[in-house]
Protein backbone atom coordinates (compact mmCIF):
# COMPACT_ATOMS: atom_id res chain seq x y z
CA MET A 1 -21.66 -37.14 42.08
CA ASP A 2 -21.31 -35.78 45.61
CA SER A 3 -18.58 -38.08 46.95
CA LYS A 4 -14.93 -37.05 46.77
CA PRO A 5 -12.47 -39.39 45.09
CA SER A 6 -10.07 -41.36 47.23
CA GLY A 7 -7.40 -41.27 44.50
CA ASN A 8 -4.89 -38.50 44.10
CA LEU A 9 -5.26 -37.81 40.38
CA ARG A 10 -6.30 -34.20 39.67
CA VAL A 11 -6.91 -32.50 36.34
CA TYR A 12 -7.05 -28.72 36.14
CA ALA A 13 -9.07 -27.62 33.10
CA ASP A 14 -9.04 -24.10 31.70
CA ALA A 15 -9.89 -22.33 28.48
CA SER A 16 -8.92 -19.25 26.57
CA TYR A 17 -11.23 -17.53 24.09
CA LYS A 18 -10.14 -14.83 21.67
CA ASP A 19 -11.40 -13.81 18.23
CA GLY A 20 -13.48 -16.97 17.75
CA ARG A 21 -10.54 -19.22 18.56
CA ILE A 22 -10.72 -21.45 21.63
CA GLY A 23 -7.67 -22.81 23.40
CA LEU A 24 -8.14 -25.62 25.90
CA GLY A 25 -5.59 -26.48 28.55
CA LEU A 26 -5.18 -29.33 31.00
CA ALA A 27 -2.67 -29.76 33.80
CA ILE A 28 -2.73 -33.37 35.00
CA TYR A 29 -1.30 -34.09 38.45
CA ALA A 30 -0.57 -37.38 40.22
CA GLY A 31 -0.11 -36.47 43.86
CA GLN A 32 1.95 -33.27 43.93
CA GLU A 33 3.74 -33.98 40.66
CA LEU A 34 2.76 -32.51 37.32
CA VAL A 35 2.34 -35.47 34.98
CA GLU A 36 1.30 -33.80 31.75
CA LEU A 37 0.27 -30.52 30.15
CA VAL A 38 -2.18 -30.82 27.25
CA ALA A 39 -3.24 -28.11 24.81
CA SER A 40 -6.01 -28.31 22.28
CA SER A 41 -7.81 -25.96 19.93
CA GLU A 42 -11.23 -25.58 18.39
CA TYR A 43 -13.48 -22.87 17.05
CA GLY A 44 -16.29 -21.43 19.10
CA ASN A 45 -18.29 -18.38 19.98
CA SER A 46 -18.25 -17.95 23.75
CA SER A 47 -16.00 -18.23 26.77
CA PHE A 48 -18.63 -20.41 28.50
CA GLN A 49 -18.48 -22.84 25.56
CA ALA A 50 -14.69 -22.84 25.85
CA GLU A 51 -14.77 -23.67 29.57
CA ALA A 52 -17.32 -26.46 29.00
CA ALA A 53 -15.13 -27.86 26.21
CA ALA A 54 -12.10 -27.83 28.54
CA ILE A 55 -13.96 -29.83 31.20
CA LYS A 56 -15.20 -32.27 28.56
CA LEU A 57 -11.63 -32.68 27.23
CA ALA A 58 -10.34 -33.27 30.78
CA ILE A 59 -12.83 -36.11 31.26
CA GLU A 60 -12.07 -37.66 27.85
CA VAL A 61 -8.26 -37.49 28.12
CA THR A 62 -8.06 -38.65 31.73
CA SER A 63 -10.55 -41.50 31.23
CA ARG A 64 -8.52 -42.72 28.26
CA LYS A 65 -5.09 -42.40 29.91
CA TYR A 66 -6.13 -43.70 33.34
CA PRO A 67 -8.94 -46.19 32.71
CA GLY A 68 -10.82 -47.20 35.84
CA GLN A 69 -9.02 -44.69 38.09
CA LYS A 70 -10.86 -42.11 40.19
CA PHE A 71 -10.00 -38.52 39.38
CA GLN A 72 -10.97 -34.98 40.12
CA VAL A 73 -11.56 -32.32 37.44
CA LEU A 74 -11.04 -28.77 38.71
CA SER A 75 -12.34 -25.75 36.79
CA ASP A 76 -12.39 -22.04 37.54
CA CYS A 77 -15.69 -21.58 35.65
CA GLN A 78 -18.18 -21.54 38.49
CA GLY A 79 -21.20 -21.17 36.21
CA CYS A 80 -20.27 -24.23 34.18
CA VAL A 81 -19.50 -26.37 37.24
CA ASP A 82 -22.71 -25.27 38.97
CA LEU A 83 -24.77 -26.10 35.89
CA CYS A 84 -23.18 -29.54 35.48
CA MET A 85 -23.69 -30.36 39.16
CA SER A 86 -27.23 -28.98 39.57
CA ASP A 87 -30.18 -31.23 40.34
CA ASP A 88 -32.33 -32.46 37.45
CA GLU A 89 -35.06 -29.82 37.79
CA HIS A 90 -32.64 -26.89 37.84
CA PHE A 91 -30.46 -28.42 35.14
CA ASN A 92 -33.36 -28.87 32.70
CA ARG A 93 -34.66 -25.35 33.31
CA ARG A 94 -31.20 -23.75 32.95
CA ILE A 95 -30.03 -25.79 29.94
CA GLU A 96 -33.13 -24.72 27.96
CA LYS A 97 -32.22 -21.06 28.54
CA LEU A 98 -28.65 -21.51 27.35
CA ALA A 99 -28.51 -19.73 23.99
CA ASP A 100 -25.22 -21.30 22.90
CA GLN A 101 -26.18 -24.75 21.55
CA ARG A 102 -22.57 -26.01 21.34
CA ALA A 103 -22.05 -25.11 24.99
CA ALA A 104 -25.34 -26.81 25.91
CA PHE A 105 -24.25 -29.98 24.10
CA ALA A 106 -20.86 -29.99 25.88
CA VAL A 107 -22.53 -29.49 29.28
CA MET A 108 -24.98 -32.33 28.58
CA ARG A 109 -22.06 -34.64 27.66
CA ILE A 110 -20.25 -33.69 30.89
CA ARG A 111 -23.37 -34.34 32.94
CA ILE A 112 -23.87 -37.76 31.33
CA GLU A 113 -20.28 -38.68 32.19
CA LEU A 114 -20.65 -37.47 35.79
CA LEU A 115 -23.94 -39.32 36.33
CA SER A 116 -22.69 -42.57 34.79
CA ASN A 117 -19.19 -42.50 36.27
CA PRO A 118 -18.96 -42.13 40.06
CA ARG A 119 -15.15 -42.17 39.80
CA ILE A 120 -15.19 -38.68 38.23
CA HIS A 121 -15.61 -35.70 40.54
CA LEU A 122 -16.07 -32.14 39.21
CA GLN A 123 -15.19 -29.21 41.45
CA TRP A 124 -14.97 -25.44 41.15
CA ILE A 125 -11.75 -23.71 42.19
CA ARG A 126 -11.00 -20.02 42.40
CA GLY A 127 -9.14 -18.90 39.28
CA HIS A 128 -6.00 -16.77 39.11
CA ASN A 129 -5.33 -17.33 42.80
CA ARG A 130 -1.73 -18.59 42.74
CA ASN A 131 -2.77 -22.17 42.23
CA ALA A 132 0.01 -23.80 40.20
CA GLY A 133 -2.31 -26.38 38.60
CA ASN A 134 -4.76 -23.75 37.43
CA ASP A 135 -1.91 -21.48 36.27
CA TYR A 136 -0.40 -24.28 34.17
CA ALA A 137 -3.80 -25.11 32.67
CA ASP A 138 -4.24 -21.42 31.83
CA LEU A 139 -0.84 -21.32 30.08
CA ALA A 140 -1.67 -24.49 28.15
CA ALA A 141 -5.05 -22.98 27.14
CA ASN A 142 -3.35 -19.88 25.78
CA LYS A 143 -0.96 -22.10 23.81
CA GLY A 144 -3.93 -24.18 22.64
CA ARG A 145 -5.26 -21.31 20.55
CA SER A 146 -2.24 -21.71 18.24
CA VAL A 147 -1.92 -25.51 17.98
CA LYS A 148 -3.67 -27.88 15.61
CA GLY A 149 -5.58 -30.69 17.29
CA THR A 150 -4.55 -31.89 20.74
CA VAL A 151 -0.88 -31.92 21.75
CA SER A 152 1.11 -32.80 24.85
CA LEU A 153 3.28 -29.85 25.89
CA TYR A 154 4.95 -31.66 28.77
CA HIS A 155 4.99 -35.29 29.83
CA SER A 156 6.71 -36.87 32.83
CA ARG A 157 7.11 -40.56 31.98
CA GLU A 158 8.09 -41.48 35.55
CA ALA A 159 5.09 -39.75 37.13
CA TYR A 160 2.78 -41.16 34.47
CA SER A 161 3.89 -44.76 35.09
CA THR A 162 3.67 -44.26 38.89
CA ALA A 163 0.11 -42.96 38.59
CA LYS A 164 -0.92 -45.88 36.40
CA GLN A 165 0.50 -48.35 38.96
CA GLU A 166 -1.45 -46.72 41.82
CA LYS A 167 -4.82 -47.53 40.29
């Protein structure tokens, strides 16, 4: 889990939580080009659960669309990233204290993916810091609160096919 990917595929994951409604947003980049914006919705009861769900969605969507390719998931939820990346002893102690069971389940799923898939790298980034990828993911997350299911808000066919060829 500690090594950085050699590929240039990055997925910014963000979440928006308001009135029990969770919006998830992904901004998928190949190199410097925005490939796709994805929005999704679900119900939940905490912003931490929302952020964990966004990271989980990033792993699921990117693994499906780019099978076998290394990629980086970037999240502005430092607590969630730290928990997912902690050593076994700290993880077990902290996950037991997590009151939100849905969030705990999402974090455990993320951790399983990270431990079993060395091509996936999770990293914390500072949020709301003029980072275009994070800003796009934030916009998609806000839109996600009002969509049904998972939808693509933007898709660059040329960038998508280029990224698939680079694998």
